[in-house]
Protein backbone atom coordinates (compact mmCIF):
# COMPACT_ATOMS: atom_id res chain seq x y z
CA UNK A 1 3.04 -14.08 -3.97
CA UNK A 2 -0.68 -13.78 -1.98
CA UNK A 3 -2.10 -10.39 -1.49
CA UNK A 4 -4.91 -10.55 1.35
CA UNK A 5 -7.27 -8.28 2.87
CA UNK A 6 -8.60 -7.73 6.19
CA UNK A 7 -11.14 -5.14 7.45
CA UNK A 8 -9.98 -3.71 10.64
CA UNK A 9 -13.09 -1.50 12.43
CA UNK A 10 -12.88 1.94 9.44
CA UNK A 11 -9.75 0.64 7.81
CA UNK A 12 -9.17 -1.60 4.72
CA UNK A 13 -5.94 -3.57 5.60
CA UNK A 14 -4.18 -5.20 1.91
CA UNK A 15 -1.14 -7.26 2.84
CA UNK A 16 1.29 -8.26 -0.16
CA UNK A 17 2.85 -10.88 0.26
CA UNK A 18 6.25 -11.93 -2.08
CA UNK A 19 8.08 -10.23 -4.61
CA UNK A 20 5.85 -7.15 -6.59
CA UNK A 21 7.45 -7.54 -9.77
CA UNK A 22 5.69 -5.98 -12.31
CA UNK A 23 3.24 -8.97 -13.76
CA UNK A 24 2.11 -9.25 -9.87
CA UNK A 25 1.75 -5.36 -9.25
CA UNK A 26 -0.69 -5.47 -12.11
CA UNK A 27 -2.87 -8.12 -9.80
CA UNK A 28 -2.35 -5.82 -7.10
CA UNK A 29 -3.40 -2.83 -8.64
CA UNK A 30 -6.28 -4.33 -9.71
CA UNK A 31 -7.36 -5.98 -6.36
CA UNK A 32 -6.87 -2.61 -4.43
CA UNK A 33 -9.54 -1.41 -7.59
CA UNK A 34 -11.88 -3.50 -6.30
CA UNK A 35 -11.98 -3.38 -2.52
CA UNK A 36 -11.11 0.22 -2.20
CA UNK A 37 -13.58 2.05 0.05
CA UNK A 38 -15.49 5.20 -1.51
CA UNK A 39 -16.28 8.37 0.96
CA UNK A 40 -14.53 7.07 3.76
CA UNK A 41 -12.52 5.09 5.95
CA UNK A 42 -8.92 4.30 5.12
CA UNK A 43 -6.83 1.53 3.26
CA UNK A 44 -3.82 0.79 4.68
CA UNK A 45 -0.64 -1.48 2.62
CA UNK A 46 1.16 -3.81 5.14
CA UNK A 47 4.10 -4.18 3.50
CA UNK A 48 5.87 -6.10 6.36
CA UNK A 49 6.04 -9.31 3.78
CA UNK A 50 6.78 -8.16 0.60
CA UNK A 51 10.72 -9.43 -0.19
CA UNK A 52 11.13 -7.15 -3.35
CA UNK A 53 9.91 -4.13 -5.54
CA UNK A 54 9.82 -2.60 -8.94
CA UNK A 55 9.52 0.59 -10.30
CA UNK A 56 5.83 -0.44 -11.12
CA UNK A 57 4.84 -1.55 -7.70
CA UNK A 58 5.90 2.12 -6.96
CA UNK A 59 3.46 3.21 -10.02
CA UNK A 60 -0.02 0.90 -8.13
CA UNK A 61 0.90 2.75 -5.01
CA UNK A 62 1.14 6.00 -5.61
CA UNK A 63 -2.34 5.99 -8.38
CA UNK A 64 -3.85 3.94 -5.73
CA UNK A 65 -2.68 6.25 -3.13
CA UNK A 66 -4.41 9.40 -5.25
CA UNK A 67 -7.16 7.69 -6.42
CA UNK A 68 -8.07 7.28 -3.11
CA UNK A 69 -8.06 10.98 -2.20
CA UNK A 70 -9.68 11.83 -4.72
CA UNK A 71 -12.72 9.84 -2.65
CA UNK A 72 -12.04 11.10 0.53
CA UNK A 73 -9.99 7.91 1.81
CA UNK A 74 -6.83 7.97 3.24
CA UNK A 75 -4.55 5.59 1.80
CA UNK A 76 -1.72 4.82 4.50
CA UNK A 77 2.05 2.89 4.12
CA UNK A 78 3.00 0.64 6.97
CA UNK A 79 5.60 -2.03 8.19
CA UNK A 80 8.21 -0.97 4.83
CA UNK A 81 10.57 -3.53 4.50
CA UNK A 82 14.46 -3.24 4.34
CA UNK A 83 14.37 -2.89 0.67
CA UNK A 84 10.81 -1.25 -0.28
CA UNK A 85 11.98 1.65 2.79
CA UNK A 86 15.24 2.11 0.36
CA UNK A 87 12.86 2.20 -2.65
CA UNK A 88 10.19 4.76 -0.79
CA UNK A 89 13.58 6.80 -0.02
CA UNK A 90 15.31 7.02 -2.97
CA UNK A 91 12.25 7.69 -5.18
CA UNK A 92 11.12 10.52 -2.90
CA UNK A 93 7.78 8.46 -2.03
CA UNK A 94 8.64 9.03 2.43
CA UNK A 95 8.24 12.46 1.44
CA UNK A 96 4.51 12.30 -0.42
CA UNK A 97 3.28 9.15 0.91
CA UNK A 98 2.11 8.83 4.29
CA UNK A 99 4.26 5.70 6.03
CA UNK A 100 4.52 4.27 9.53
CA UNK A 101 6.78 2.19 11.09
CA UNK A 102 4.25 -0.01 13.09
CA UNK A 103 1.03 -1.54 11.65
CA UNK A 104 -0.56 -0.30 14.95
CA UNK A 105 0.34 3.57 14.24
CA UNK A 106 -0.90 3.54 10.83
CA UNK A 107 -4.26 2.05 12.48
CA UNK A 108 -4.47 4.66 14.97
């Protein structure tokens, strides 16, 4: 599991790659807590490299979106892989989180 991040203008792009199981989800949550901008900008999760995600990952995504909102930061999710899209659909996350088909649309 690898977690990369980069700044693209006002957007912090976080790109996890690999299997997001319970252990990795904890690491992802800690990484995002440290990186989350305060009061401006947006965080975008580039999910194109996620091959598996556990329910712990969904909790991290939801907690991050809530934390971002309280800090005045938009949280977006882009390029969900088929397994992650299925999990978002099944859990109802596609209705409550901002999901984009492409990274480009999430960055606009």
